[in-house]
């Protein structure tokens, strides 16, 4: 089974908001975020996938998710792409 670390973005007016997460089914997870059934932070917005990485183990995915969440410099490079 593959695991994915993803960054999704939502633009409201001129401000871009991002969210980082991990999952084993990216299509289902993005749909949950967009229908208001995902993480509480993501409710009420229309999200688009901005960045995706694949991992073989859940542990690797969780470690990478944590790194991206804490690393604002990395997230800002994604925003500017």
PDB file of N, CA and C in Angstrom:
ATOM      1  N   UNK A   1       0.843  -1.180   0.000  1.00  0.00           N
ATOM      2  CA  UNK A   1       0.000   0.000   0.000  1.00  0.00           C
ATOM      3  C   UNK A   1       0.886   1.241   0.000  1.00  0.00           C
ATOM      4  N   UNK A   2       0.512   2.217  -0.799  1.00  0.00           N
ATOM      5  CA  UNK A   2       1.247   3.478  -0.879  1.00  0.00           C
ATOM      6  C   UNK A   2       0.573   4.528   0.006  1.00  0.00           C
ATOM      7  N   UNK A   3       1.381   5.415   0.533  1.00  0.00           N
ATOM      8  CA  UNK A   3       0.885   6.540   1.319  1.00  0.00           C
ATOM      9  C   UNK A   3       1.331   7.825   0.646  1.00  0.00           C
ATOM     10  N   UNK A   4       0.520   8.844   0.756  1.00  0.00           N
ATOM     11  CA  UNK A   4       0.785  10.116   0.104  1.00  0.00           C
ATOM     12  C   UNK A   4       0.830  11.233   1.128  1.00  0.00           C
ATOM     13  N   UNK A   5       1.766  12.148   0.934  1.00  0.00           N
ATOM     14  CA  UNK A   5       1.807  13.397   1.687  1.00  0.00           C
ATOM     15  C   UNK A   5       1.396  14.462   0.681  1.00  0.00           C
ATOM     16  N   UNK A   6       0.449  15.301   1.074  1.00  0.00           N
ATOM     17  CA  UNK A   6      -0.089  16.270   0.128  1.00  0.00           C
ATOM     18  C   UNK A   6      -0.192  17.661   0.743  1.00  0.00           C
ATOM     19  N   UNK A   7      -0.178  18.647  -0.152  1.00  0.00           N
ATOM     20  CA  UNK A   7      -0.448  20.024   0.238  1.00  0.00           C
ATOM     21  C   UNK A   7      -1.593  20.479  -0.638  1.00  0.00           C
ATOM     22  N   UNK A   8      -2.660  20.974   0.000  1.00  0.00           N
ATOM     23  CA  UNK A   8      -3.787  21.513  -0.741  1.00  0.00           C
ATOM     24  C   UNK A   8      -3.868  23.005  -0.454  1.00  0.00           C
ATOM     25  N   UNK A   9      -4.429  23.737  -1.391  1.00  0.00           N
ATOM     26  CA  UNK A   9      -4.526  25.182  -1.230  1.00  0.00           C
ATOM     27  C   UNK A   9      -5.915  25.685  -1.554  1.00  0.00           C
ATOM     28  N   UNK A  10      -6.264  26.783  -0.915  1.00  0.00           N
ATOM     29  CA  UNK A  10      -7.551  27.442  -1.145  1.00  0.00           C
ATOM     30  C   UNK A  10      -7.316  28.942  -1.143  1.00  0.00           C
ATOM     31  N   UNK A  11      -7.829  29.609  -2.176  1.00  0.00           N
ATOM     32  CA  UNK A  11      -7.645  31.047  -2.283  1.00  0.00           C
ATOM     33  C   UNK A  11      -8.955  31.746  -1.942  1.00  0.00           C
ATOM     34  N   UNK A  12      -8.878  32.675  -1.019  1.00  0.00           N
ATOM     35  CA  UNK A  12     -10.026  33.491  -0.637  1.00  0.00           C
ATOM     36  C   UNK A  12      -9.581  34.938  -0.752  1.00  0.00           C
ATOM     37  N   UNK A  13     -10.228  35.680  -1.634  1.00  0.00           N
ATOM     38  CA  UNK A  13      -9.785  37.029  -2.009  1.00  0.00           C
ATOM     39  C   UNK A  13      -8.381  36.892  -2.582  1.00  0.00           C
ATOM     40  N   UNK A  14      -7.383  37.474  -1.997  1.00  0.00           N
ATOM     41  CA  UNK A  14      -6.015  37.341  -2.513  1.00  0.00           C
ATOM     42  C   UNK A  14      -5.132  36.494  -1.609  1.00  0.00           C
ATOM     43  N   UNK A  15      -5.706  35.939  -0.534  1.00  0.00           N
ATOM     44  CA  UNK A  15      -4.919  35.167   0.430  1.00  0.00           C
ATOM     45  C   UNK A  15      -5.004  33.672   0.127  1.00  0.00           C
ATOM     46  N   UNK A  16      -3.841  33.033   0.035  1.00  0.00           N
ATOM     47  CA  UNK A  16      -3.770  31.591  -0.181  1.00  0.00           C
ATOM     48  C   UNK A  16      -3.548  30.898   1.156  1.00  0.00           C
ATOM     49  N   UNK A  17      -4.418  29.941   1.464  1.00  0.00           N
ATOM     50  CA  UNK A  17      -4.306  29.143   2.678  1.00  0.00           C
ATOM     51  C   UNK A  17      -3.916  27.735   2.269  1.00  0.00           C
ATOM     52  N   UNK A  18      -2.970  27.129   2.995  1.00  0.00           N
ATOM     53  CA  UNK A  18      -2.559  25.760   2.672  1.00  0.00           C
ATOM     54  C   UNK A  18      -2.824  24.832   3.843  1.00  0.00           C
ATOM     55  N   UNK A  19      -2.937  23.553   3.505  1.00  0.00           N
ATOM     56  CA  UNK A  19      -3.135  22.499   4.500  1.00  0.00           C
ATOM     57  C   UNK A  19      -2.274  21.316   4.082  1.00  0.00           C
ATOM     58  N   UNK A  20      -1.591  20.699   5.042  1.00  0.00           N
ATOM     59  CA  UNK A  20      -0.727  19.547   4.780  1.00  0.00           C
ATOM     60  C   UNK A  20      -1.312  18.331   5.478  1.00  0.00           C
ATOM     61  N   UNK A  21      -1.328  17.188   4.774  1.00  0.00           N
ATOM     62  CA  UNK A  21      -1.835  15.970   5.374  1.00  0.00           C
ATOM     63  C   UNK A  21      -1.230  14.742   4.723  1.00  0.00           C
ATOM     64  N   UNK A  22      -1.632  13.568   5.208  1.00  0.00           N
ATOM     65  CA  UNK A  22      -1.203  12.316   4.583  1.00  0.00           C
ATOM     66  C   UNK A  22      -2.409  11.394   4.480  1.00  0.00           C
ATOM     67  N   UNK A  23      -2.361  10.478   3.517  1.00  0.00           N
ATOM     68  CA  UNK A  23      -3.460   9.549   3.284  1.00  0.00           C
ATOM     69  C   UNK A  23      -2.970   8.372   2.442  1.00  0.00           C
ATOM     70  N   UNK A  24      -3.806   7.338   2.351  1.00  0.00           N
ATOM     71  CA  UNK A  24      -3.494   6.240   1.432  1.00  0.00           C
ATOM     72  C   UNK A  24      -4.416   6.274   0.216  1.00  0.00           C
ATOM     73  N   UNK A  25      -5.356   7.240   0.156  1.00  0.00           N
ATOM     74  CA  UNK A  25      -6.264   7.406  -0.982  1.00  0.00           C
ATOM     75  C   UNK A  25      -6.468   8.900  -1.220  1.00  0.00           C
ATOM     76  N   UNK A  26      -5.676   9.475  -2.093  1.00  0.00           N
ATOM     77  CA  UNK A  26      -5.659  10.926  -2.284  1.00  0.00           C
ATOM     78  C   UNK A  26      -6.966  11.460  -2.864  1.00  0.00           C
ATOM     79  N   UNK A  27      -7.572  10.743  -3.812  1.00  0.00           N
ATOM     80  CA  UNK A  27      -8.824  11.216  -4.417  1.00  0.00           C
ATOM     81  C   UNK A  27      -9.944  11.288  -3.374  1.00  0.00           C
ATOM     82  N   UNK A  28     -10.063  10.242  -2.575  1.00  0.00           N
ATOM     83  CA  UNK A  28     -11.091  10.202  -1.541  1.00  0.00           C
ATOM     84  C   UNK A  28     -10.858  11.299  -0.504  1.00  0.00           C
ATOM     85  N   UNK A  29      -9.604  11.494  -0.114  1.00  0.00           N
ATOM     86  CA  UNK A  29      -9.282  12.488   0.912  1.00  0.00           C
ATOM     87  C   UNK A  29      -9.575  13.906   0.434  1.00  0.00           C
ATOM     88  N   UNK A  30      -9.225  14.224  -0.814  1.00  0.00           N
ATOM     89  CA  UNK A  30      -9.502  15.550  -1.365  1.00  0.00           C
ATOM     90  C   UNK A  30     -11.008  15.786  -1.443  1.00  0.00           C
ATOM     91  N   UNK A  31     -11.747  14.749  -1.823  1.00  0.00           N
ATOM     92  CA  UNK A  31     -13.205  14.850  -1.878  1.00  0.00           C
ATOM     93  C   UNK A  31     -13.778  15.125  -0.483  1.00  0.00           C
ATOM     94  N   UNK A  32     -13.251  14.454   0.539  1.00  0.00           N
ATOM     95  CA  UNK A  32     -13.701  14.695   1.910  1.00  0.00           C
ATOM     96  C   UNK A  32     -13.452  16.147   2.328  1.00  0.00           C
ATOM     97  N   UNK A  33     -12.286  16.682   1.986  1.00  0.00           N
ATOM     98  CA  UNK A  33     -11.982  18.074   2.323  1.00  0.00           C
ATOM     99  C   UNK A  33     -12.973  19.024   1.641  1.00  0.00           C
ATOM    100  N   UNK A  34     -13.281  18.760   0.378  1.00  0.00           N
ATOM    101  CA  UNK A  34     -14.150  19.654  -0.385  1.00  0.00           C
ATOM    102  C   UNK A  34     -15.626  19.517  -0.039  1.00  0.00           C
ATOM    103  N   UNK A  35     -16.028  18.427   0.608  1.00  0.00           N
ATOM    104  CA  UNK A  35     -17.432  18.261   0.991  1.00  0.00           C
ATOM    105  C   UNK A  35     -17.670  18.579   2.467  1.00  0.00           C
ATOM    106  N   UNK A  36     -16.650  19.085   3.147  1.00  0.00           N
ATOM    107  CA  UNK A  36     -16.801  19.489   4.544  1.00  0.00           C
ATOM    108  C   UNK A  36     -16.705  18.356   5.543  1.00  0.00           C
ATOM    109  N   UNK A  37     -16.212  17.198   5.110  1.00  0.00           N
ATOM    110  CA  UNK A  37     -16.100  16.043   6.003  1.00  0.00           C
ATOM    111  C   UNK A  37     -14.648  15.703   6.331  1.00  0.00           C
ATOM    112  N   UNK A  38     -13.731  16.543   5.900  1.00  0.00           N
ATOM    113  CA  UNK A  38     -12.314  16.316   6.187  1.00  0.00           C
ATOM    114  C   UNK A  38     -11.949  16.936   7.515  1.00  0.00           C
ATOM    115  N   UNK A  39     -10.724  17.356   7.636  1.00  0.00           N
ATOM    116  CA  UNK A  39     -10.262  18.000   8.861  1.00  0.00           C
ATOM    117  C   UNK A  39     -11.067  19.274   9.134  1.00  0.00           C
ATOM    118  N   UNK A  40     -11.294  19.578  10.384  1.00  0.00           N
ATOM    119  CA  UNK A  40     -12.109  20.738  10.772  1.00  0.00           C
ATOM    120  C   UNK A  40     -11.577  22.034  10.146  1.00  0.00           C
ATOM    121  N   UNK A  41     -10.275  22.186  10.080  1.00  0.00           N
ATOM    122  CA  UNK A  41      -9.650  23.382   9.508  1.00  0.00           C
ATOM    123  C   UNK A  41     -10.041  23.592   8.049  1.00  0.00           C
ATOM    124  N   UNK A  42     -10.304  22.525   7.320  1.00  0.00           N
ATOM    125  CA  UNK A  42     -10.537  22.631   5.874  1.00  0.00           C
ATOM    126  C   UNK A  42     -11.996  22.852   5.490  1.00  0.00           C
ATOM    127  N   UNK A  43     -12.884  22.848   6.442  1.00  0.00           N
ATOM    128  CA  UNK A  43     -14.305  22.988   6.129  1.00  0.00           C
ATOM    129  C   UNK A  43     -14.648  24.390   5.622  1.00  0.00           C
ATOM    130  N   UNK A  44     -15.556  24.430   4.633  1.00  0.00           N
ATOM    131  CA  UNK A  44     -16.046  25.703   4.129  1.00  0.00           C
ATOM    132  C   UNK A  44     -15.211  26.332   3.036  1.00  0.00           C
ATOM    133  N   UNK A  45     -14.257  25.607   2.489  1.00  0.00           N
ATOM    134  CA  UNK A  45     -13.411  26.131   1.416  1.00  0.00           C
ATOM    135  C   UNK A  45     -13.365  25.138   0.263  1.00  0.00           C
ATOM    136  N   UNK A  46     -13.002  25.628  -0.917  1.00  0.00           N
ATOM    137  CA  UNK A  46     -12.779  24.778  -2.083  1.00  0.00           C
ATOM    138  C   UNK A  46     -11.277  24.578  -2.207  1.00  0.00           C
ATOM    139  N   UNK A  47     -10.829  23.321  -2.115  1.00  0.00           N
ATOM    140  CA  UNK A  47      -9.412  22.987  -2.093  1.00  0.00           C
ATOM    141  C   UNK A  47      -8.941  22.406  -3.411  1.00  0.00           C
ATOM    142  N   UNK A  48      -7.696  22.723  -3.767  1.00  0.00           N
ATOM    143  CA  UNK A  48      -7.050  22.151  -4.948  1.00  0.00           C
ATOM    144  C   UNK A  48      -5.709  21.567  -4.525  1.00  0.00           C
ATOM    145  N   UNK A  49      -5.371  20.436  -5.118  1.00  0.00           N
ATOM    146  CA  UNK A  49      -4.098  19.782  -4.826  1.00  0.00           C
ATOM    147  C   UNK A  49      -2.956  20.613  -5.412  1.00  0.00           C
ATOM    148  N   UNK A  50      -1.979  20.934  -4.565  1.00  0.00           N
ATOM    149  CA  UNK A  50      -0.838  21.742  -4.998  1.00  0.00           C
ATOM    150  C   UNK A  50       0.458  20.937  -5.065  1.00  0.00           C
ATOM    151  N   UNK A  51       0.567  19.899  -4.234  1.00  0.00           N
ATOM    152  CA  UNK A  51       1.829  19.165  -4.120  1.00  0.00           C
ATOM    153  C   UNK A  51       1.543  17.761  -3.606  1.00  0.00           C
ATOM    154  N   UNK A  52       2.291  16.774  -4.103  1.00  0.00           N
ATOM    155  CA  UNK A  52       2.066  15.384  -3.714  1.00  0.00           C
ATOM    156  C   UNK A  52       3.381  14.608  -3.729  1.00  0.00           C
ATOM    157  N   UNK A  53       3.587  13.787  -2.702  1.00  0.00           N
ATOM    158  CA  UNK A  53       4.739  12.878  -2.625  1.00  0.00           C
ATOM    159  C   UNK A  53       4.227  11.488  -2.242  1.00  0.00           C
ATOM    160  N   UNK A  54       4.891  10.431  -2.755  1.00  0.00           N
ATOM    161  CA  UNK A  54       4.515   9.041  -2.458  1.00  0.00           C
ATOM    162  C   UNK A  54       5.524   8.404  -1.509  1.00  0.00           C
ATOM    163  N   UNK A  55       5.004   7.552  -0.599  1.00  0.00           N
ATOM    164  CA  UNK A  55       5.865   6.809   0.330  1.00  0.00           C
ATOM    165  C   UNK A  55       5.373   5.376   0.466  1.00  0.00           C
ATOM    166  N   UNK A  56       6.305   4.479   0.755  1.00  0.00           N
ATOM    167  CA  UNK A  56       5.971   3.064   0.892  1.00  0.00           C
ATOM    168  C   UNK A  56       5.385   2.725   2.261  1.00  0.00           C
ATOM    169  N   UNK A  57       5.749   3.488   3.287  1.00  0.00           N
ATOM    170  CA  UNK A  57       5.265   3.182   4.627  1.00  0.00           C
ATOM    171  C   UNK A  57       4.549   4.387   5.241  1.00  0.00           C
ATOM    172  N   UNK A  58       3.647   4.086   6.149  1.00  0.00           N
ATOM    173  CA  UNK A  58       2.900   5.122   6.853  1.00  0.00           C
ATOM    174  C   UNK A  58       3.847   5.972   7.696  1.00  0.00           C
ATOM    175  N   UNK A  59       4.828   5.325   8.302  1.00  0.00           N
ATOM    176  CA  UNK A  59       5.786   6.038   9.152  1.00  0.00           C
ATOM    177  C   UNK A  59       6.550   7.094   8.360  1.00  0.00           C
ATOM    178  N   UNK A  60       7.016   6.737   7.163  1.00  0.00           N
ATOM    179  CA  UNK A  60       7.727   7.697   6.311  1.00  0.00           C
ATOM    180  C   UNK A  60       6.826   8.882   5.971  1.00  0.00           C
ATOM    181  N   UNK A  61       5.572   8.586   5.641  1.00  0.00           N
ATOM    182  CA  UNK A  61       4.629   9.640   5.270  1.00  0.00           C
ATOM    183  C   UNK A  61       4.365  10.585   6.447  1.00  0.00           C
ATOM    184  N   UNK A  62       4.197  10.035   7.627  1.00  0.00           N
ATOM    185  CA  UNK A  62       3.936  10.861   8.813  1.00  0.00           C
ATOM    186  C   UNK A  62       5.131  11.751   9.134  1.00  0.00           C
ATOM    187  N   UNK A  63       6.326  11.204   9.024  1.00  0.00           N
ATOM    188  CA  UNK A  63       7.528  12.001   9.286  1.00  0.00           C
ATOM    189  C   UNK A  63       7.663  13.153   8.282  1.00  0.00           C
ATOM    190  N   UNK A  64       7.392  12.865   7.010  1.00  0.00           N
ATOM    191  CA  UNK A  64       7.484  13.909   5.980  1.00  0.00           C
ATOM    192  C   UNK A  64       6.383  14.955   6.162  1.00  0.00           C
ATOM    193  N   UNK A  65       5.176  14.511   6.510  1.00  0.00           N
ATOM    194  CA  UNK A  65       4.076  15.444   6.761  1.00  0.00           C
ATOM    195  C   UNK A  65       4.460  16.405   7.886  1.00  0.00           C
ATOM    196  N   UNK A  66       5.007  15.871   8.948  1.00  0.00           N
ATOM    197  CA  UNK A  66       5.426  16.692  10.089  1.00  0.00           C
ATOM    198  C   UNK A  66       6.483  17.710   9.653  1.00  0.00           C
ATOM    199  N   UNK A  67       7.442  17.278   8.857  1.00  0.00           N
ATOM    200  CA  UNK A  67       8.493  18.175   8.379  1.00  0.00           C
ATOM    201  C   UNK A  67       7.899  19.329   7.564  1.00  0.00           C
ATOM    202  N   UNK A  68       7.000  18.996   6.640  1.00  0.00           N
ATOM    203  CA  UNK A  68       6.413  20.029   5.784  1.00  0.00           C
ATOM    204  C   UNK A  68       5.537  20.987   6.606  1.00  0.00           C
ATOM    205  N   UNK A  69       4.779  20.459   7.553  1.00  0.00           N
ATOM    206  CA  UNK A  69       3.933  21.316   8.390  1.00  0.00           C
ATOM    207  C   UNK A  69       4.757  22.328   9.170  1.00  0.00           C
ATOM    208  N   UNK A  70       5.902  21.924   9.664  1.00  0.00           N
ATOM    209  CA  UNK A  70       6.735  22.797  10.492  1.00  0.00           C
ATOM    210  C   UNK A  70       7.651  23.704   9.679  1.00  0.00           C
ATOM    211  N   UNK A  71       7.850  23.416   8.411  1.00  0.00           N
ATOM    212  CA  UNK A  71       8.811  24.142   7.591  1.00  0.00           C
ATOM    213  C   UNK A  71       8.100  25.165   6.689  1.00  0.00           C
ATOM    214  N   UNK A  72       7.906  26.363   7.195  1.00  0.00           N
ATOM    215  CA  UNK A  72       7.223  27.428   6.443  1.00  0.00           C
ATOM    216  C   UNK A  72       7.978  27.782   5.159  1.00  0.00           C
ATOM    217  N   UNK A  73       9.287  27.730   5.193  1.00  0.00           N
ATOM    218  CA  UNK A  73      10.085  28.058   4.012  1.00  0.00           C
ATOM    219  C   UNK A  73       9.742  27.102   2.858  1.00  0.00           C
ATOM    220  N   UNK A  74       9.634  25.816   3.163  1.00  0.00           N
ATOM    221  CA  UNK A  74       9.276  24.829   2.152  1.00  0.00           C
ATOM    222  C   UNK A  74       7.871  25.084   1.622  1.00  0.00           C
ATOM    223  N   UNK A  75       6.913  25.351   2.516  1.00  0.00           N
ATOM    224  CA  UNK A  75       5.523  25.597   2.097  1.00  0.00           C
ATOM    225  C   UNK A  75       5.411  26.842   1.227  1.00  0.00           C
ATOM    226  N   UNK A  76       6.218  27.852   1.521  1.00  0.00           N
ATOM    227  CA  UNK A  76       6.181  29.059   0.714  1.00  0.00           C
ATOM    228  C   UNK A  76       6.747  28.837  -0.688  1.00  0.00           C
ATOM    229  N   UNK A  77       7.699  27.909  -0.839  1.00  0.00           N
ATOM    230  CA  UNK A  77       8.197  27.605  -2.184  1.00  0.00           C
ATOM    231  C   UNK A  77       7.125  26.916  -3.009  1.00  0.00           C
ATOM    232  N   UNK A  78       6.281  26.119  -2.356  1.00  0.00           N
ATOM    233  CA  UNK A  78       5.169  25.475  -3.055  1.00  0.00           C
ATOM    234  C   UNK A  78       4.165  26.527  -3.512  1.00  0.00           C
ATOM    235  N   UNK A  79       3.876  27.494  -2.664  1.00  0.00           N
ATOM    236  CA  UNK A  79       2.916  28.553  -2.986  1.00  0.00           C
ATOM    237  C   UNK A  79       3.356  29.358  -4.205  1.00  0.00           C
ATOM    238  N   UNK A  80       4.647  29.569  -4.336  1.00  0.00           N
ATOM    239  CA  UNK A  80       5.137  30.411  -5.417  1.00  0.00           C
ATOM    240  C   UNK A  80       5.250  29.687  -6.751  1.00  0.00           C
ATOM    241  N   UNK A  81       5.056  28.370  -6.775  1.00  0.00           N
ATOM    242  CA  UNK A  81       5.162  27.601  -8.021  1.00  0.00           C
ATOM    243  C   UNK A  81       3.961  27.811  -8.892  1.00  0.00           C
TER     244      UNK A  81
END
